[in-house]
Amino acid sequence: DSKKTAQEELPPYTETILKSAVSQSITYHLGGPVTQPST
């Protein structure tokens, strides 16, 4: 099992998380920043 190591780095994965209600709430109400895609 090398499990999806290529797919896991596709930009849409982290972009969807950054656009989520949780990420946006952290950014807006706590001043951010949220954890970055590479992390």
Full PDB file with SEQRES, HELIX, SHEET, SSBOND, CRYST1, ORIGX, SCALE, CONECT and MASTER records, all heavy atoms in Angstrom:
SEQRES   1 A   39  ASP SER LYS LYS THR ALA GLN GLU GLU LEU PRO PRO TYR          
SEQRES   2 A   39  THR GLU THR ILE LEU LYS SER ALA VAL SER GLN SER ILE          
SEQRES   3 A   39  THR TYR HIS LEU GLY GLY PRO VAL THR GLN PRO SER THR          
HELIX    1 AA1 GLN A    7  GLU A    9  5                                   3    
HELIX    2 AA2 PRO A   11  LEU A   18  1                                   8    
HELIX    3 AA3 ALA A   21  LEU A   30  1                                  10    
CRYST1    1.000    1.000    1.000  90.00  90.00  90.00 P 1           1          
ORIGX1      1.000000  0.000000  0.000000        0.00000                         
ORIGX2      0.000000  1.000000  0.000000        0.00000                         
ORIGX3      0.000000  0.000000  1.000000        0.00000                         
SCALE1      1.000000  0.000000  0.000000        0.00000                         
SCALE2      0.000000  1.000000  0.000000        0.00000                         
SCALE3      0.000000  0.000000  1.000000        0.00000                         
ATOM      1  N   ASP A   1       0.802  -1.216   0.000  1.00  0.00           N  
ATOM      2  CA  ASP A   1       0.000   0.000   0.000  1.00  0.00           C  
ATOM      3  C   ASP A   1       0.837   1.268   0.000  1.00  0.00           C  
ATOM      4  O   ASP A   1       1.364   1.678   1.010  1.00  0.00           O  
ATOM      5  CB  ASP A   1      -0.908  -0.022   1.237  1.00  0.00           C  
ATOM      6  CG  ASP A   1      -1.912   1.105   1.214  1.00  0.00           C  
ATOM      7  OD1 ASP A   1      -1.930   1.841   0.226  1.00  0.00           O  
ATOM      8  OD2 ASP A   1      -2.665   1.238   2.172  1.00  0.00           O  
ATOM      9  N   SER A   2       0.919   1.882  -1.160  1.00  0.00           N  
ATOM     10  CA  SER A   2       1.508   3.214  -1.229  1.00  0.00           C  
ATOM     11  C   SER A   2       0.413   4.263  -1.224  1.00  0.00           C  
ATOM     12  O   SER A   2       0.644   5.431  -1.402  1.00  0.00           O  
ATOM     13  CB  SER A   2       2.332   3.351  -2.515  1.00  0.00           C  
ATOM     14  OG  SER A   2       1.510   3.124  -3.640  1.00  0.00           O  
ATOM     15  N   LYS A   3      -0.736   3.907  -1.013  1.00  0.00           N  
ATOM     16  CA  LYS A   3      -2.044   4.554  -1.002  1.00  0.00           C  
ATOM     17  C   LYS A   3      -2.148   5.989  -1.536  1.00  0.00           C  
ATOM     18  O   LYS A   3      -1.980   6.964  -0.820  1.00  0.00           O  
ATOM     19  CB  LYS A   3      -2.636   4.504   0.386  1.00  0.00           C  
ATOM     20  CG  LYS A   3      -4.113   4.804   0.345  1.00  0.00           C  
ATOM     21  CD  LYS A   3      -4.787   4.546   1.644  1.00  0.00           C  
ATOM     22  CE  LYS A   3      -6.253   4.871   1.441  1.00  0.00           C  
ATOM     23  NZ  LYS A   3      -6.960   5.004   2.652  1.00  0.00           N  
ATOM     24  N   LYS A   4      -2.399   6.111  -2.799  1.00  0.00           N  
ATOM     25  CA  LYS A   4      -2.843   7.358  -3.390  1.00  0.00           C  
ATOM     26  C   LYS A   4      -1.890   8.526  -3.172  1.00  0.00           C  
ATOM     27  O   LYS A   4      -2.313   9.648  -3.010  1.00  0.00           O  
ATOM     28  CB  LYS A   4      -4.238   7.711  -2.857  1.00  0.00           C  
ATOM     29  CG  LYS A   4      -5.286   6.665  -3.179  1.00  0.00           C  
ATOM     30  CD  LYS A   4      -6.604   6.952  -2.543  1.00  0.00           C  
ATOM     31  CE  LYS A   4      -6.685   6.476  -1.129  1.00  0.00           C  
ATOM     32  NZ  LYS A   4      -6.618   5.058  -0.896  1.00  0.00           N  
ATOM     33  N   THR A   5      -0.588   8.271  -3.159  1.00  0.00           N  
ATOM     34  CA  THR A   5       0.342   9.360  -2.878  1.00  0.00           C  
ATOM     35  C   THR A   5       0.340  10.404  -3.988  1.00  0.00           C  
ATOM     36  O   THR A   5       0.642  11.567  -3.742  1.00  0.00           O  
ATOM     37  CB  THR A   5       1.769   8.814  -2.714  1.00  0.00           C  
ATOM     38  OG1 THR A   5       2.097   8.001  -3.833  1.00  0.00           O  
ATOM     39  CG2 THR A   5       1.879   7.993  -1.445  1.00  0.00           C  
ATOM     40  N   ALA A   6       0.005  10.006  -5.194  1.00  0.00           N  
ATOM     41  CA  ALA A   6      -0.043  10.987  -6.279  1.00  0.00           C  
ATOM     42  C   ALA A   6      -1.297  11.844  -6.176  1.00  0.00           C  
ATOM     43  O   ALA A   6      -1.249  13.064  -6.279  1.00  0.00           O  
ATOM     44  CB  ALA A   6      -0.007  10.270  -7.627  1.00  0.00           C  
ATOM     45  N   GLN A   7      -2.440  11.179  -5.922  1.00  0.00           N  
ATOM     46  CA  GLN A   7      -3.698  11.921  -5.880  1.00  0.00           C  
ATOM     47  C   GLN A   7      -3.783  12.871  -4.693  1.00  0.00           C  
ATOM     48  O   GLN A   7      -4.425  13.897  -4.764  1.00  0.00           O  
ATOM     49  CB  GLN A   7      -4.870  10.946  -5.811  1.00  0.00           C  
ATOM     50  CG  GLN A   7      -5.057  10.109  -7.060  1.00  0.00           C  
ATOM     51  CD  GLN A   7      -6.282   9.229  -6.942  1.00  0.00           C  
ATOM     52  OE1 GLN A   7      -7.340   9.700  -6.541  1.00  0.00           O  
ATOM     53  NE2 GLN A   7      -6.133   7.968  -7.263  1.00  0.00           N  
ATOM     54  N   GLU A   8      -3.125  12.499  -3.595  1.00  0.00           N  
ATOM     55  CA  GLU A   8      -3.325  13.260  -2.377  1.00  0.00           C  
ATOM     56  C   GLU A   8      -2.824  14.691  -2.494  1.00  0.00           C  
ATOM     57  O   GLU A   8      -3.201  15.554  -1.724  1.00  0.00           O  
ATOM     58  CB  GLU A   8      -2.662  12.562  -1.200  1.00  0.00           C  
ATOM     59  CG  GLU A   8      -1.152  12.660  -1.188  1.00  0.00           C  
ATOM     60  CD  GLU A   8      -0.541  11.915  -0.008  1.00  0.00           C  
ATOM     61  OE1 GLU A   8      -1.289  11.255   0.710  1.00  0.00           O  
ATOM     62  OE2 GLU A   8       0.673  12.003   0.165  1.00  0.00           O  
ATOM     63  N   GLU A   9      -1.929  14.952  -3.476  1.00  0.00           N  
ATOM     64  CA  GLU A   9      -1.359  16.279  -3.585  1.00  0.00           C  
ATOM     65  C   GLU A   9      -2.081  17.136  -4.629  1.00  0.00           C  
ATOM     66  O   GLU A   9      -1.618  18.225  -4.951  1.00  0.00           O  
ATOM     67  CB  GLU A   9       0.130  16.162  -3.900  1.00  0.00           C  
ATOM     68  CG  GLU A   9       0.895  15.445  -2.787  1.00  0.00           C  
ATOM     69  CD  GLU A   9       2.400  15.485  -2.986  1.00  0.00           C  
ATOM     70  OE1 GLU A   9       2.873  16.425  -3.636  1.00  0.00           O  
ATOM     71  OE2 GLU A   9       3.072  14.573  -2.500  1.00  0.00           O  
ATOM     72  N   LEU A  10      -3.174  16.631  -5.172  1.00  0.00           N  
ATOM     73  CA  LEU A  10      -3.916  17.428  -6.140  1.00  0.00           C  
ATOM     74  C   LEU A  10      -4.410  18.711  -5.489  1.00  0.00           C  
ATOM     75  O   LEU A  10      -4.990  18.672  -4.403  1.00  0.00           O  
ATOM     76  CB  LEU A  10      -5.107  16.630  -6.678  1.00  0.00           C  
ATOM     77  CG  LEU A  10      -4.765  15.451  -7.606  1.00  0.00           C  
ATOM     78  CD1 LEU A  10      -6.028  14.684  -7.942  1.00  0.00           C  
ATOM     79  CD2 LEU A  10      -4.098  15.946  -8.869  1.00  0.00           C  
ATOM     80  N   PRO A  11      -4.217  19.853  -6.123  1.00  0.00           N  
ATOM     81  CA  PRO A  11      -4.629  21.126  -5.529  1.00  0.00           C  
ATOM     82  C   PRO A  11      -6.087  21.193  -5.101  1.00  0.00           C  
ATOM     83  O   PRO A  11      -6.371  21.786  -4.060  1.00  0.00           O  
ATOM     84  CB  PRO A  11      -4.319  22.141  -6.647  1.00  0.00           C  
ATOM     85  CG  PRO A  11      -3.226  21.508  -7.439  1.00  0.00           C  
ATOM     86  CD  PRO A  11      -3.512  20.031  -7.387  1.00  0.00           C  
ATOM     87  N   PRO A  12      -7.053  20.598  -5.840  1.00  0.00           N  
ATOM     88  CA  PRO A  12      -8.452  20.721  -5.404  1.00  0.00           C  
ATOM     89  C   PRO A  12      -8.701  20.219  -3.986  1.00  0.00           C  
ATOM     90  O   PRO A  12      -9.594  20.698  -3.302  1.00  0.00           O  
ATOM     91  CB  PRO A  12      -9.214  19.873  -6.430  1.00  0.00           C  
ATOM     92  CG  PRO A  12      -8.359  19.916  -7.647  1.00  0.00           C  
ATOM     93  CD  PRO A  12      -6.956  19.906  -7.131  1.00  0.00           C  
ATOM     94  N   TYR A  13      -7.898  19.245  -3.519  1.00  0.00           N  
ATOM     95  CA  TYR A  13      -8.109  18.716  -2.171  1.00  0.00           C  
ATOM     96  C   TYR A  13      -7.906  19.813  -1.133  1.00  0.00           C  
ATOM     97  O   TYR A  13      -8.771  20.075  -0.296  1.00  0.00           O  
ATOM     98  CB  TYR A  13      -7.159  17.550  -1.922  1.00  0.00           C  
ATOM     99  CG  TYR A  13      -7.211  17.046  -0.488  1.00  0.00           C  
ATOM    100  CD1 TYR A  13      -8.301  16.324  -0.034  1.00  0.00           C  
ATOM    101  CD2 TYR A  13      -6.190  17.323   0.412  1.00  0.00           C  
ATOM    102  CE1 TYR A  13      -8.373  15.875   1.282  1.00  0.00           C  
ATOM    103  CE2 TYR A  13      -6.236  16.875   1.721  1.00  0.00           C  
ATOM    104  CZ  TYR A  13      -7.334  16.157   2.150  1.00  0.00           C  
ATOM    105  OH  TYR A  13      -7.395  15.729   3.443  1.00  0.00           O  
ATOM    106  N   THR A  14      -6.771  20.484  -1.181  1.00  0.00           N  
ATOM    107  CA  THR A  14      -6.508  21.523  -0.189  1.00  0.00           C  
ATOM    108  C   THR A  14      -7.332  22.785  -0.450  1.00  0.00           C  
ATOM    109  O   THR A  14      -7.710  23.479   0.490  1.00  0.00           O  
ATOM    110  CB  THR A  14      -5.010  21.871  -0.164  1.00  0.00           C  
ATOM    111  OG1 THR A  14      -4.568  22.167  -1.485  1.00  0.00           O  
ATOM    112  CG2 THR A  14      -4.197  20.715   0.388  1.00  0.00           C  
ATOM    113  N   GLU A  15      -7.626  23.053  -1.711  1.00  0.00           N  
ATOM    114  CA  GLU A  15      -8.453  24.231  -2.022  1.00  0.00           C  
ATOM    115  C   GLU A  15      -9.846  24.082  -1.417  1.00  0.00           C  
ATOM    116  O   GLU A  15     -10.420  25.043  -0.889  1.00  0.00           O  
ATOM    117  CB  GLU A  15      -8.557  24.418  -3.537  1.00  0.00           C  
ATOM    118  CG  GLU A  15      -7.301  24.966  -4.174  1.00  0.00           C  
ATOM    119  CD  GLU A  15      -7.413  25.071  -5.682  1.00  0.00           C  
ATOM    120  OE1 GLU A  15      -8.545  24.900  -6.202  1.00  0.00           O  
ATOM    121  OE2 GLU A  15      -6.380  25.301  -6.335  1.00  0.00           O  
ATOM    122  N   THR A  16     -10.413  22.867  -1.487  1.00  0.00           N  
ATOM    123  CA  THR A  16     -11.736  22.624  -0.908  1.00  0.00           C  
ATOM    124  C   THR A  16     -11.722  22.849   0.593  1.00  0.00           C  
ATOM    125  O   THR A  16     -12.665  23.415   1.162  1.00  0.00           O  
ATOM    126  CB  THR A  16     -12.187  21.178  -1.217  1.00  0.00           C  
ATOM    127  OG1 THR A  16     -12.183  20.968  -2.621  1.00  0.00           O  
ATOM    128  CG2 THR A  16     -13.589  20.923  -0.684  1.00  0.00           C  
ATOM    129  N   ILE A  17     -10.643  22.436   1.243  1.00  0.00           N  
ATOM    130  CA  ILE A  17     -10.536  22.630   2.691  1.00  0.00           C  
ATOM    131  C   ILE A  17     -10.411  24.113   3.025  1.00  0.00           C  
ATOM    132  O   ILE A  17     -11.048  24.618   3.962  1.00  0.00           O  
ATOM    133  CB  ILE A  17      -9.340  21.835   3.245  1.00  0.00           C  
ATOM    134  CG1 ILE A  17      -9.583  20.332   3.055  1.00  0.00           C  
ATOM    135  CG2 ILE A  17      -9.105  22.150   4.724  1.00  0.00           C  
ATOM    136  CD1 ILE A  17      -8.371  19.473   3.303  1.00  0.00           C  
ATOM    137  N   LEU A  18      -9.606  24.838   2.259  1.00  0.00           N  
ATOM    138  CA  LEU A  18      -9.436  26.270   2.510  1.00  0.00           C  
ATOM    139  C   LEU A  18     -10.721  27.055   2.294  1.00  0.00           C  
ATOM    140  O   LEU A  18     -10.925  28.114   2.899  1.00  0.00           O  
ATOM    141  CB  LEU A  18      -8.324  26.826   1.621  1.00  0.00           C  
ATOM    142  CG  LEU A  18      -6.906  26.352   1.955  1.00  0.00           C  
ATOM    143  CD1 LEU A  18      -5.925  26.808   0.883  1.00  0.00           C  
ATOM    144  CD2 LEU A  18      -6.472  26.858   3.324  1.00  0.00           C  
ATOM    145  N   LYS A  19     -11.605  26.530   1.443  1.00  0.00           N  
ATOM    146  CA  LYS A  19     -12.879  27.203   1.178  1.00  0.00           C  
ATOM    147  C   LYS A  19     -14.000  26.732   2.099  1.00  0.00           C  
ATOM    148  O   LYS A  19     -15.124  27.212   2.007  1.00  0.00           O  
ATOM    149  CB  LYS A  19     -13.297  26.956  -0.279  1.00  0.00           C  
ATOM    150  CG  LYS A  19     -12.404  27.652  -1.295  1.00  0.00           C  
ATOM    151  CD  LYS A  19     -12.830  27.298  -2.716  1.00  0.00           C  
ATOM    152  CE  LYS A  19     -11.914  27.967  -3.735  1.00  0.00           C  
ATOM    153  NZ  LYS A  19     -12.271  27.564  -5.133  1.00  0.00           N  
ATOM    154  N   SER A  20     -13.703  25.782   2.978  1.00  0.00           N  
ATOM    155  CA  SER A  20     -14.736  25.238   3.861  1.00  0.00           C  
ATOM    156  C   SER A  20     -15.202  26.271   4.871  1.00  0.00           C  
ATOM    157  O   SER A  20     -14.509  27.265   5.154  1.00  0.00           O  
ATOM    158  CB  SER A  20     -14.193  24.012   4.605  1.00  0.00           C  
ATOM    159  OG  SER A  20     -13.206  24.400   5.556  1.00  0.00           O  
ATOM    160  N   ALA A  21     -16.386  26.026   5.436  1.00  0.00           N  
ATOM    161  CA  ALA A  21     -16.937  26.941   6.438  1.00  0.00           C  
ATOM    162  C   ALA A  21     -16.036  27.022   7.665  1.00  0.00           C  
ATOM    163  O   ALA A  21     -15.889  28.087   8.279  1.00  0.00           O  
ATOM    164  CB  ALA A  21     -18.339  26.471   6.843  1.00  0.00           C  
ATOM    165  N   VAL A  22     -15.411  25.905   8.037  1.00  0.00           N  
ATOM    166  CA  VAL A  22     -14.524  25.911   9.204  1.00  0.00           C  
ATOM    167  C   VAL A  22     -13.301  26.776   8.947  1.00  0.00           C  
ATOM    168  O   VAL A  22     -12.944  27.641   9.768  1.00  0.00           O  
ATOM    169  CB  VAL A  22     -14.105  24.476   9.577  1.00  0.00           C  
ATOM    170  CG1 VAL A  22     -12.964  24.488  10.600  1.00  0.00           C  
ATOM    171  CG2 VAL A  22     -15.297  23.702  10.141  1.00  0.00           C  
ATOM    172  N   SER A  23     -12.622  26.583   7.815  1.00  0.00           N  
ATOM    173  CA  SER A  23     -11.431  27.387   7.501  1.00  0.00           C  
ATOM    174  C   SER A  23     -11.774  28.867   7.411  1.00  0.00           C  
ATOM    175  O   SER A  23     -11.053  29.729   7.938  1.00  0.00           O  
ATOM    176  CB  SER A  23     -10.802  26.915   6.184  1.00  0.00           C  
ATOM    177  OG  SER A  23     -10.192  25.657   6.326  1.00  0.00           O  
ATOM    178  N   GLN A  24     -12.877  29.173   6.745  1.00  0.00           N  
ATOM    179  CA  GLN A  24     -13.242  30.579   6.593  1.00  0.00           C  
ATOM    180  C   GLN A  24     -13.628  31.210   7.923  1.00  0.00           C  
ATOM    181  O   GLN A  24     -13.350  32.387   8.161  1.00  0.00           O  
ATOM    182  CB  GLN A  24     -14.383  30.694   5.580  1.00  0.00           C  
ATOM    183  CG  GLN A  24     -13.935  30.341   4.159  1.00  0.00           C  
ATOM    184  CD  GLN A  24     -15.029  30.527   3.124  1.00  0.00           C  
ATOM    185  OE1 GLN A  24     -16.199  30.624   3.458  1.00  0.00           O  
ATOM    186  NE2 GLN A  24     -14.643  30.552   1.866  1.00  0.00           N  
ATOM    187  N   SER A  25     -14.252  30.440   8.803  1.00  0.00           N  
ATOM    188  CA  SER A  25     -14.592  30.962  10.126  1.00  0.00           C  
ATOM    189  C   SER A  25     -13.337  31.246  10.943  1.00  0.00           C  
ATOM    190  O   SER A  25     -13.251  32.261  11.645  1.00  0.00           O  
ATOM    191  CB  SER A  25     -15.484  29.965  10.876  1.00  0.00           C  
ATOM    192  OG  SER A  25     -16.725  29.808  10.221  1.00  0.00           O  
ATOM    193  N   ILE A  26     -12.354  30.345  10.870  1.00  0.00           N  
ATOM    194  CA  ILE A  26     -11.092  30.565  11.584  1.00  0.00           C  
ATOM    195  C   ILE A  26     -10.406  31.819  11.056  1.00  0.00           C  
ATOM    196  O   ILE A  26      -9.919  32.661  11.828  1.00  0.00           O  
ATOM    197  CB  ILE A  26     -10.174  29.334  11.438  1.00  0.00           C  
ATOM    198  CG1 ILE A  26     -10.766  28.124  12.180  1.00  0.00           C  
ATOM    199  CG2 ILE A  26      -8.772  29.635  11.954  1.00  0.00           C  
ATOM    200  CD1 ILE A  26     -10.042  26.816  11.915  1.00  0.00           C  
ATOM    201  N   THR A  27     -10.390  31.970   9.741  1.00  0.00           N  
ATOM    202  CA  THR A  27      -9.732  33.130   9.133  1.00  0.00           C  
ATOM    203  C   THR A  27     -10.446  34.427   9.504  1.00  0.00           C  
ATOM    204  O   THR A  27      -9.817  35.410   9.915  1.00  0.00           O  
ATOM    205  CB  THR A  27      -9.700  32.982   7.609  1.00  0.00           C  
ATOM    206  OG1 THR A  27      -8.998  31.777   7.270  1.00  0.00           O  
ATOM    207  CG2 THR A  27      -9.002  34.162   6.955  1.00  0.00           C  
ATOM    208  N   TYR A  28     -11.772  34.434   9.384  1.00  0.00           N  
ATOM    209  CA  TYR A  28     -12.532  35.674   9.567  1.00  0.00           C  
ATOM    210  C   TYR A  28     -12.647  36.064  11.038  1.00  0.00           C  
ATOM    211  O   TYR A  28     -12.448  37.219  11.410  1.00  0.00           O  
ATOM    212  CB  TYR A  28     -13.926  35.514   8.953  1.00  0.00           C  
ATOM    213  CG  TYR A  28     -14.769  36.763   9.045  1.00  0.00           C  
ATOM    214  CD1 TYR A  28     -14.572  37.815   8.144  1.00  0.00           C  
ATOM    215  CD2 TYR A  28     -15.749  36.894  10.022  1.00  0.00           C  
ATOM    216  CE1 TYR A  28     -15.338  38.971   8.222  1.00  0.00           C  
ATOM    217  CE2 TYR A  28     -16.516  38.043  10.110  1.00  0.00           C  
ATOM    218  CZ  TYR A  28     -16.309  39.074   9.209  1.00  0.00           C  
ATOM    219  OH  TYR A  28     -17.055  40.225   9.294  1.00  0.00           O  
ATOM    220  N   HIS A  29     -12.959  35.098  11.895  1.00  0.00           N  
ATOM    221  CA  HIS A  29     -13.253  35.429  13.291  1.00  0.00           C  
ATOM    222  C   HIS A  29     -12.028  35.393  14.199  1.00  0.00           C  
ATOM    223  O   HIS A  29     -12.027  36.037  15.246  1.00  0.00           O  
ATOM    224  CB  HIS A  29     -14.323  34.481  13.833  1.00  0.00           C  
ATOM    225  CG  HIS A  29     -15.642  34.603  13.138  1.00  0.00           C  
ATOM    226  ND1 HIS A  29     -16.466  35.702  13.292  1.00  0.00           N  
ATOM    227  CD2 HIS A  29     -16.277  33.777  12.267  1.00  0.00           C  
ATOM    228  CE1 HIS A  29     -17.553  35.549  12.561  1.00  0.00           C  
ATOM    229  NE2 HIS A  29     -17.466  34.388  11.924  1.00  0.00           N  
ATOM    230  N   LEU A  30     -11.000  34.645  13.797  1.00  0.00           N  
ATOM    231  CA  LEU A  30      -9.812  34.562  14.639  1.00  0.00           C  
ATOM    232  C   LEU A  30      -8.600  35.235  13.999  1.00  0.00           C  
ATOM    233  O   LEU A  30      -7.512  35.243  14.565  1.00  0.00           O  
ATOM    234  CB  LEU A  30      -9.478  33.094  14.940  1.00  0.00           C  
ATOM    235  CG  LEU A  30     -10.587  32.280  15.620  1.00  0.00           C  
ATOM    236  CD1 LEU A  30     -10.113  30.855  15.878  1.00  0.00           C  
ATOM    237  CD2 LEU A  30     -11.014  32.936  16.933  1.00  0.00           C  
ATOM    238  N   GLY A  31      -8.794  35.766  12.807  1.00  0.00           N  
ATOM    239  CA  GLY A  31      -7.701  36.467  12.153  1.00  0.00           C  
ATOM    240  C   GLY A  31      -6.730  35.577  11.411  1.00  0.00           C  
ATOM    241  O   GLY A  31      -5.736  36.059  10.875  1.00  0.00           O  
ATOM    242  N   GLY A  32      -6.985  34.259  11.442  1.00  0.00           N  
ATOM    243  CA  GLY A  32      -6.138  33.328  10.708  1.00  0.00           C  
ATOM    244  C   GLY A  32      -4.682  33.418  11.155  1.00  0.00           C  
ATOM    245  O   GLY A  32      -4.379  33.946  12.212  1.00  0.00           O  
ATOM    246  N   PRO A  33      -3.744  32.899  10.366  1.00  0.00           N  
ATOM    247  CA  PRO A  33      -4.023  32.134   9.150  1.00  0.00           C  
ATOM    248  C   PRO A  33      -4.319  30.671   9.476  1.00  0.00           C  
ATOM    249  O   PRO A  33      -3.966  30.193  10.542  1.00  0.00           O  
ATOM    250  CB  PRO A  33      -2.706  32.239   8.377  1.00  0.00           C  
ATOM    251  CG  PRO A  33      -1.668  32.297   9.460  1.00  0.00           C  
ATOM    252  CD  PRO A  33      -2.303  33.053  10.595  1.00  0.00           C  
ATOM    253  N   VAL A  34      -4.973  30.017   8.548  1.00  0.00           N  
ATOM    254  CA  VAL A  34      -5.191  28.582   8.711  1.00  0.00           C  
ATOM    255  C   VAL A  34      -3.944  27.844   8.249  1.00  0.00           C  
ATOM    256  O   VAL A  34      -3.063  28.407   7.603  1.00  0.00           O  
ATOM    257  CB  VAL A  34      -6.423  28.105   7.908  1.00  0.00           C  
ATOM    258  CG1 VAL A  34      -7.691  28.746   8.437  1.00  0.00           C  
ATOM    259  CG2 VAL A  34      -6.257  28.398   6.420  1.00  0.00           C  
ATOM    260  N   THR A  35      -3.881  26.561   8.601  1.00  0.00           N  
ATOM    261  CA  THR A  35      -2.753  25.730   8.192  1.00  0.00           C  
ATOM    262  C   THR A  35      -2.636  25.717   6.668  1.00  0.00           C  
ATOM    263  O   THR A  35      -3.621  25.579   5.950  1.00  0.00           O  
ATOM    264  CB  THR A  35      -2.949  24.295   8.713  1.00  0.00           C  
ATOM    265  OG1 THR A  35      -3.027  24.348  10.139  1.00  0.00           O  
ATOM    266  CG2 THR A  35      -1.800  23.403   8.310  1.00  0.00           C  
ATOM    267  N   GLN A  36      -1.423  25.874   6.186  1.00  0.00           N  
ATOM    268  CA  GLN A  36      -1.190  26.002   4.748  1.00  0.00           C  
ATOM    269  C   GLN A  36      -1.197  24.642   4.043  1.00  0.00           C  
ATOM    270  O   GLN A  36      -0.964  23.597   4.666  1.00  0.00           O  
ATOM    271  CB  GLN A  36       0.134  26.717   4.511  1.00  0.00           C  
ATOM    272  CG  GLN A  36       0.117  28.159   4.986  1.00  0.00           C  
ATOM    273  CD  GLN A  36      -1.032  28.955   4.375  1.00  0.00           C  
ATOM    274  OE1 GLN A  36      -1.088  29.150   3.156  1.00  0.00           O  
ATOM    275  NE2 GLN A  36      -1.961  29.406   5.207  1.00  0.00           N  
ATOM    276  N   PRO A  37      -1.470  24.639   2.724  1.00  0.00           N  
ATOM    277  CA  PRO A  37      -1.619  23.383   1.982  1.00  0.00           C  
ATOM    278  C   PRO A  37      -0.448  22.411   2.128  1.00  0.00           C  
ATOM    279  O   PRO A  37      -0.654  21.216   2.278  1.00  0.00           O  
ATOM    280  CB  PRO A  37      -1.775  23.853   0.533  1.00  0.00           C  
ATOM    281  CG  PRO A  37      -2.440  25.189   0.661  1.00  0.00           C  
ATOM    282  CD  PRO A  37      -1.846  25.809   1.887  1.00  0.00           C  
ATOM    283  N   SER A  38       0.776  22.909   2.099  1.00  0.00           N  
ATOM    284  CA  SER A  38       1.920  21.997   2.203  1.00  0.00           C  
ATOM    285  C   SER A  38       1.923  21.277   3.549  1.00  0.00           C  
ATOM    286  O   SER A  38       2.251  20.083   3.631  1.00  0.00           O  
ATOM    287  CB  SER A  38       3.230  22.766   2.027  1.00  0.00           C  
ATOM    288  OG  SER A  38       3.346  23.784   3.017  1.00  0.00           O  
ATOM    289  N   THR A  39       1.524  21.977   4.613  1.00  0.00           N  
ATOM    290  CA  THR A  39       1.456  21.354   5.934  1.00  0.00           C  
ATOM    291  C   THR A  39       0.299  20.362   6.005  1.00  0.00           C  
ATOM    292  O   THR A  39       0.411  19.305   6.634  1.00  0.00           O  
ATOM    293  CB  THR A  39       1.300  22.422   7.035  1.00  0.00           C  
ATOM    294  OG1 THR A  39       2.362  23.370   6.916  1.00  0.00           O  
ATOM    295  CG2 THR A  39       1.329  21.796   8.418  1.00  0.00           C  
TER     296      THR A  39                                                      
MASTER        0    0    0    3    0    0    0    6  295    1    0    3          
END                                                                             
